[in-house]
Amino acid sequence: MIANRPPESRDSISRRSFLRGSTAAAAGVAAMAAGLAPLRKLGEAISVDEFLQQHYKELKPEDMDKVLRRIEGEVERQYGVRPHVRDYKPMNGVEYVYALNLTRCVGCRKCVHACVAENNQSRDPAIQYIQVIKMPNGTFDMEKGDAHYAPESVPEKGFFYMPVQCHQCKNPPCTKVCPVKATWTEPDGITVIDYNWCIGCRYCEAACPYFARRFNFSEPTIPKDQINPEMSYLGNQPRHKGVMEKCHFCIQRTRVGRYPACLEVCPTGSRKFGNILDPNSEVAHILREKRVFVLKEEVGTLPRFFYYFDV
């Protein structure tokens, strides 16, 4: 496959474009890596070590430490900011769920902006993990909603607002279709993506019934003065062209006992988050006492993201 490319295209081939053409070629990557240099990522040449980086689950602690230091160097060269990148592990006895009160949500989209800032999402082209949909009263048919509403003020009479993001499903179709196992569900219920392992085939995007995954069609852009330096390998480290990304429950915050950024900024208290395995948690109380429902229950994904009304 490589031999048939014109000489000028070999210099710009990437690990992802190579594997995207044939996932079966993954077994031969190690032998061919030296012939693929110089590889490109974030606008600069990358090392063979990065090209040959093992899957996240196979990395030993000392290997992960080298990976984190490499990412810190990349971010510093790209943005002029020295970040603190960590590999946050799930806590024992924790399964995260989200509950969203549709009675209180006013559609202000402050959650969207907080998520973008916290998780180093591209501003140009714009990538947003949360989509707030203006819904006519009396229906949950997303096809009847409007995600591009722009009134002078919210809320608007006759409508309610339904934020949609990754539902962190117990039976996620997205992880099942990934041909290289670049996405999986962690013990605490968070579905994650190894950005270095993703080949950008977009099968997961097609499989998700909630339209919750985003693909970087071009090189993401983040203003240098807006980069969040507190980063996680499986979370908000800057992504690059050709990979998938999505909501990960602010893994760099929640795995150290903090709330997601979208919850902290919500002015109406519509968002609730916590450990469903703790019977005294607020989310456990909501699931016991409120009339909760999940979006598209009929597809059998078993979301960990619940909606409810006050009545």
Protein backbone atom coordinates (compact mmCIF):
# COMPACT_ATOMS: atom_id res chain seq x y z
CA MET A 1 0.00 0.00 0.00
CA ILE A 2 2.84 2.42 0.90
CA ALA A 3 4.80 1.63 -2.28
CA ASN A 4 1.92 2.78 -4.48
CA ARG A 5 1.89 6.27 -2.99
CA PRO A 6 3.72 9.03 -4.88
CA PRO A 7 7.00 10.01 -3.18
CA GLU A 8 5.70 13.39 -1.99
CA SER A 9 2.80 11.78 -0.06
CA ARG A 10 5.00 9.35 1.86
CA ASP A 11 6.57 12.21 3.80
CA SER A 12 3.22 13.31 5.20
CA ILE A 13 1.66 9.93 5.97
CA SER A 14 0.57 9.48 9.56
CA ARG A 15 0.06 6.47 11.74
CA ARG A 16 -3.71 7.03 11.64
CA SER A 17 -3.99 7.46 7.89
CA PHE A 18 -1.93 4.32 7.41
CA LEU A 19 -4.05 2.23 9.77
CA ARG A 20 -7.29 3.76 8.56
CA GLY A 21 -6.61 2.29 5.15
CA SER A 22 -6.28 -1.22 6.56
CA THR A 23 -6.70 -2.12 10.21
CA ALA A 24 -5.15 -5.48 9.42
CA ALA A 25 -1.86 -3.67 8.83
CA ALA A 26 -1.57 -2.89 12.55
CA ALA A 27 0.42 -6.07 13.16
CA GLY A 28 3.12 -4.89 10.80
CA VAL A 29 3.41 -1.34 12.06
CA ALA A 30 6.48 -1.94 14.22
CA ALA A 31 8.50 -3.32 11.32
CA MET A 32 7.55 -0.47 8.99
CA ALA A 33 7.70 2.47 11.42
CA ALA A 34 11.24 3.48 10.50
CA GLY A 35 10.23 3.84 6.86
CA LEU A 36 7.33 6.16 7.62
CA ALA A 37 9.35 9.04 9.09
CA PRO A 38 9.02 11.93 9.25
CA LEU A 39 5.57 11.49 10.77
CA ARG A 40 3.42 14.48 11.56
CA LYS A 41 1.38 15.39 14.63
CA LEU A 42 0.45 18.80 15.99
CA GLY A 43 2.34 20.31 13.07
CA GLU A 44 5.74 18.82 13.94
CA ALA A 45 7.72 15.65 13.41
CA ILE A 46 7.12 12.93 15.98
CA SER A 47 9.38 10.21 17.26
CA VAL A 48 9.28 6.54 16.43
CA ASP A 49 8.64 5.95 20.16
CA GLU A 50 5.38 7.86 19.91
CA PHE A 51 4.41 6.06 16.74
CA LEU A 52 5.03 2.72 18.45
CA GLN A 53 3.42 3.64 21.76
CA GLN A 54 1.54 0.68 23.20
CA HIS A 55 -2.15 0.60 23.95
CA TYR A 56 -3.06 2.40 27.17
CA LYS A 57 -3.89 -0.84 28.97
CA GLU A 58 -0.47 -2.28 28.14
CA LEU A 59 1.60 0.66 29.35
CA LYS A 60 3.67 0.01 32.46
CA PRO A 61 3.91 2.85 35.03
CA GLU A 62 7.38 3.84 33.85
CA ASP A 63 6.18 3.85 30.23
CA MET A 64 3.18 6.00 31.10
CA ASP A 65 5.42 8.45 32.91
CA LYS A 66 7.49 8.89 29.74
CA VAL A 67 4.31 9.38 27.71
CA LEU A 68 3.01 12.05 30.08
CA ARG A 69 6.31 13.94 30.02
CA ARG A 70 6.31 13.77 26.21
CA ILE A 71 2.80 15.24 26.06
CA GLU A 72 3.81 18.03 28.44
CA GLY A 73 6.68 18.90 26.12
CA GLU A 74 4.41 18.89 23.08
CA VAL A 75 1.86 21.17 24.72
CA GLU A 76 4.57 23.57 25.91
CA ARG A 77 6.00 23.84 22.40
CA GLN A 78 2.55 24.27 20.89
CA TYR A 79 1.01 26.71 23.39
CA GLY A 80 3.85 28.13 25.43
CA VAL A 81 2.32 26.74 28.63
CA ARG A 82 3.84 23.95 30.70
CA PRO A 83 0.90 21.69 31.63
CA HIS A 84 0.49 19.16 34.40
CA VAL A 85 -0.59 15.92 32.70
CA ARG A 86 -1.62 12.95 34.83
CA ASP A 87 -3.11 9.52 34.33
CA TYR A 88 -6.07 9.55 36.70
CA LYS A 89 -7.23 6.07 37.70
CA PRO A 90 -10.82 5.12 38.70
CA MET A 91 -11.59 4.97 42.41
CA ASN A 92 -12.76 1.74 43.99
CA GLY A 93 -16.46 1.46 44.84
CA VAL A 94 -17.48 4.25 42.48
CA GLU A 95 -19.87 4.22 39.53
CA TYR A 96 -20.69 7.67 38.25
CA VAL A 97 -24.13 8.71 37.00
CA TYR A 98 -25.57 12.04 35.89
CA ALA A 99 -29.09 13.31 36.53
CA LEU A 100 -30.48 16.36 34.76
CA ASN A 101 -33.60 18.24 35.86
CA LEU A 102 -35.42 19.36 32.71
CA THR A 103 -37.83 21.48 34.74
CA ARG A 104 -35.03 23.78 35.83
CA CYS A 105 -32.85 23.91 32.71
CA VAL A 106 -33.32 27.27 30.97
CA GLY A 107 -31.16 26.64 27.91
CA CYS A 108 -28.53 29.26 28.74
CA ARG A 109 -25.70 27.06 27.41
CA LYS A 110 -23.32 28.05 30.20
CA CYS A 111 -22.62 24.34 30.60
CA VAL A 112 -21.44 24.21 26.98
CA HIS A 113 -18.99 27.06 27.41
CA ALA A 114 -17.63 25.70 30.70
CA CYS A 115 -17.09 22.30 29.10
CA VAL A 116 -15.21 23.83 26.17
CA ALA A 117 -12.90 25.80 28.47
CA GLU A 118 -12.27 22.94 30.91
CA ASN A 119 -11.62 20.25 28.32
CA ASN A 120 -9.43 22.13 25.83
CA GLN A 121 -11.89 21.75 22.98
CA SER A 122 -11.12 23.29 19.62
CA ARG A 123 -12.48 26.78 19.05
CA ASP A 124 -11.84 26.77 15.30
CA PRO A 125 -13.28 24.55 14.03
CA ALA A 126 -15.67 24.58 16.99
CA ILE A 127 -16.09 21.30 18.87
CA GLN A 128 -18.57 21.00 21.73
CA TYR A 129 -19.35 17.87 23.73
CA ILE A 130 -22.69 19.20 25.02
CA GLN A 131 -25.55 20.02 22.67
CA VAL A 132 -28.52 21.83 24.17
CA ILE A 133 -31.71 21.19 22.20
CA LYS A 134 -34.79 23.39 22.39
CA MET A 135 -37.74 20.99 22.47
CA PRO A 136 -41.44 21.73 21.95
CA ASN A 137 -43.47 20.87 25.04
CA GLY A 138 -44.98 17.39 24.89
CA THR A 139 -42.35 15.51 22.89
CA PHE A 140 -38.94 13.92 23.30
CA ASP A 141 -38.44 13.39 19.57
CA MET A 142 -35.02 14.91 18.95
CA GLU A 143 -35.88 15.37 15.29
CA LYS A 144 -38.38 18.04 16.36
CA GLY A 145 -35.81 19.90 18.43
CA ASP A 146 -33.65 22.89 17.54
CA ALA A 147 -29.99 22.89 18.55
CA HIS A 148 -29.31 26.24 16.87
CA TYR A 149 -31.82 28.43 18.69
CA ALA A 150 -30.74 32.04 19.21
CA PRO A 151 -33.47 34.05 20.94
CA GLU A 152 -32.89 37.38 22.68
CA SER A 153 -33.50 35.65 26.02
CA VAL A 154 -34.24 32.23 27.45
CA PRO A 155 -36.30 30.36 28.43
CA GLU A 156 -38.92 30.66 25.70
CA LYS A 157 -42.57 29.94 26.34
CA GLY A 158 -43.83 26.64 24.98
CA PHE A 159 -40.44 24.91 25.03
CA PHE A 160 -38.12 23.04 27.36
CA TYR A 161 -34.39 22.52 26.97
CA MET A 162 -32.65 19.15 26.82
CA PRO A 163 -28.85 19.04 27.04
CA VAL A 164 -27.40 15.94 25.35
CA GLN A 165 -23.87 14.59 25.73
CA CYS A 166 -22.20 11.21 26.08
CA HIS A 167 -24.53 9.02 28.13
CA GLN A 168 -21.73 6.73 29.41
CA CYS A 169 -23.80 3.66 28.59
CA LYS A 170 -23.56 0.30 30.34
CA ASN A 171 -24.14 -1.35 26.98
CA PRO A 172 -22.27 1.05 24.67
CA PRO A 173 -22.44 0.32 20.95
CA CYS A 174 -19.52 2.67 20.32
CA THR A 175 -16.95 0.47 22.06
CA LYS A 176 -18.14 -2.66 20.29
CA VAL A 177 -17.49 -1.35 16.80
CA CYS A 178 -14.00 0.06 17.35
CA PRO A 179 -11.67 -2.12 15.26
CA VAL A 180 -8.56 -1.30 17.32
CA LYS A 181 -10.09 -1.14 20.83
CA ALA A 182 -9.23 2.54 21.21
CA THR A 183 -12.38 3.16 23.26
CA TRP A 184 -13.69 1.23 26.25
CA THR A 185 -15.63 1.61 29.52
CA GLU A 186 -13.70 1.99 32.76
CA PRO A 187 -14.77 0.41 36.10
CA ASP A 188 -16.28 3.72 37.28
CA GLY A 189 -18.62 3.81 34.27
CA ILE A 190 -16.75 6.38 32.18
CA THR A 191 -16.25 5.48 28.52
CA VAL A 192 -12.85 6.76 27.46
CA ILE A 193 -10.75 7.11 24.31
CA ASP A 194 -7.03 6.53 23.89
CA TYR A 195 -6.37 9.37 21.45
CA ASN A 196 -2.97 7.99 20.51
CA TRP A 197 -4.53 4.64 19.54
CA CYS A 198 -7.57 6.02 17.66
CA ILE A 199 -7.31 5.64 13.87
CA GLY A 200 -10.22 7.95 13.10
CA CYS A 201 -12.42 5.42 11.30
CA ARG A 202 -15.52 7.03 12.89
CA TYR A 203 -17.32 3.73 13.41
CA CYS A 204 -18.01 4.77 17.01
CA GLU A 205 -19.54 8.04 15.85
CA ALA A 206 -21.91 6.16 13.55
CA ALA A 207 -22.84 3.67 16.28
CA CYS A 208 -23.72 6.26 18.95
CA PRO A 209 -27.49 6.91 19.03
CA TYR A 210 -26.99 10.18 20.93
CA PHE A 211 -24.72 11.93 18.40
CA ALA A 212 -22.27 12.40 21.26
CA ARG A 213 -18.91 11.81 19.56
CA ARG A 214 -16.91 14.42 17.69
CA PHE A 215 -14.33 13.98 14.94
CA ASN A 216 -11.44 16.35 14.24
CA PHE A 217 -11.62 16.92 10.51
CA SER A 218 -8.87 19.53 10.70
CA GLU A 219 -6.21 20.59 13.17
CA PRO A 220 -7.93 21.86 16.34
CA THR A 221 -7.22 25.42 17.44
CA ILE A 222 -7.14 26.64 21.05
CA PRO A 223 -6.07 30.21 21.94
CA LYS A 224 -2.80 30.03 23.86
CA ASP A 225 -4.20 32.14 26.71
CA GLN A 226 -7.18 29.78 27.07
CA ILE A 227 -5.43 26.45 27.45
CA ASN A 228 -6.30 24.56 30.64
CA PRO A 229 -2.94 23.25 31.95
CA GLU A 230 -4.48 20.68 34.32
CA MET A 231 -4.77 17.71 31.99
CA SER A 232 -5.54 14.01 31.92
CA TYR A 233 -4.22 11.47 29.42
CA LEU A 234 -7.70 9.97 28.90
CA GLY A 235 -9.43 13.31 29.26
CA ASN A 236 -8.62 16.87 28.30
CA GLN A 237 -5.14 16.70 26.82
CA PRO A 238 -5.22 18.54 23.47
CA ARG A 239 -6.38 16.29 20.66
CA HIS A 240 -5.26 16.45 17.06
CA LYS A 241 -6.57 16.06 13.55
CA GLY A 242 -8.02 12.67 12.67
CA VAL A 243 -9.18 11.39 16.06
CA MET A 244 -12.48 11.06 17.90
CA GLU A 245 -13.32 12.77 21.20
CA LYS A 246 -16.31 13.16 23.50
CA CYS A 247 -17.51 13.93 27.03
CA HIS A 248 -15.66 11.93 29.67
CA PHE A 249 -17.37 13.33 32.77
CA CYS A 250 -14.39 15.69 33.27
CA ILE A 251 -12.21 12.76 34.29
CA GLN A 252 -9.43 15.08 35.46
CA ARG A 253 -11.85 16.56 38.00
CA THR A 254 -14.24 13.79 38.99
CA ARG A 255 -11.56 11.20 39.73
CA VAL A 256 -10.14 13.50 42.38
CA GLY A 257 -13.50 14.19 44.01
CA ARG A 258 -14.59 17.32 42.14
CA TYR A 259 -17.74 17.95 40.12
CA PRO A 260 -17.77 18.23 36.31
CA ALA A 261 -17.29 21.77 35.02
CA CYS A 262 -20.77 21.84 33.46
CA LEU A 263 -22.38 21.16 36.83
CA GLU A 264 -20.41 23.80 38.71
CA VAL A 265 -21.38 26.56 36.28
CA CYS A 266 -25.10 25.70 36.00
CA PRO A 267 -27.03 28.72 37.39
CA THR A 268 -30.25 26.78 38.09
CA GLY A 269 -28.92 23.64 39.80
CA SER A 270 -30.30 21.48 37.00
CA ARG A 271 -27.33 19.13 36.97
CA LYS A 272 -26.60 16.44 39.56
CA PHE A 273 -23.65 14.07 39.55
CA GLY A 274 -22.36 11.41 41.88
CA ASN A 275 -21.74 7.82 42.86
CA ILE A 276 -24.75 5.59 42.35
CA LEU A 277 -23.13 2.91 44.54
CA ASP A 278 -23.45 5.25 47.53
CA PRO A 279 -27.08 4.94 48.71
CA ASN A 280 -26.80 8.31 50.46
CA SER A 281 -25.67 10.22 47.38
CA GLU A 282 -27.92 12.82 45.80
CA VAL A 283 -28.08 10.93 42.52
CA ALA A 284 -29.12 7.74 44.32
CA HIS A 285 -31.93 9.67 46.00
CA ILE A 286 -33.07 11.12 42.67
CA LEU A 287 -33.17 7.72 41.00
CA ARG A 288 -35.20 6.31 43.91
CA GLU A 289 -37.64 9.18 44.39
CA LYS A 290 -38.05 10.94 41.04
CA ARG A 291 -39.71 9.84 37.82
CA VAL A 292 -36.55 9.47 35.79
CA PHE A 293 -36.17 8.39 32.20
CA VAL A 294 -33.40 7.81 29.67
CA LEU A 295 -33.23 9.00 26.11
CA LYS A 296 -33.95 6.39 23.43
CA GLU A 297 -34.59 3.62 25.93
CA GLU A 298 -35.67 1.34 23.10
CA VAL A 299 -32.12 1.01 21.72
CA GLY A 300 -30.98 -0.79 24.87
CA THR A 301 -27.80 1.17 25.63
CA LEU A 302 -28.57 1.47 29.38
CA PRO A 303 -27.31 5.02 29.87
CA ARG A 304 -25.81 6.36 33.07
CA PHE A 305 -27.28 9.74 32.12
CA PHE A 306 -30.82 10.29 33.43
CA TYR A 307 -33.44 12.99 32.90
CA TYR A 308 -36.27 13.95 35.25
CA PHE A 309 -38.85 16.64 35.94
CA ASP A 310 -39.85 18.18 39.27
CA VAL A 311 -43.39 16.86 38.85
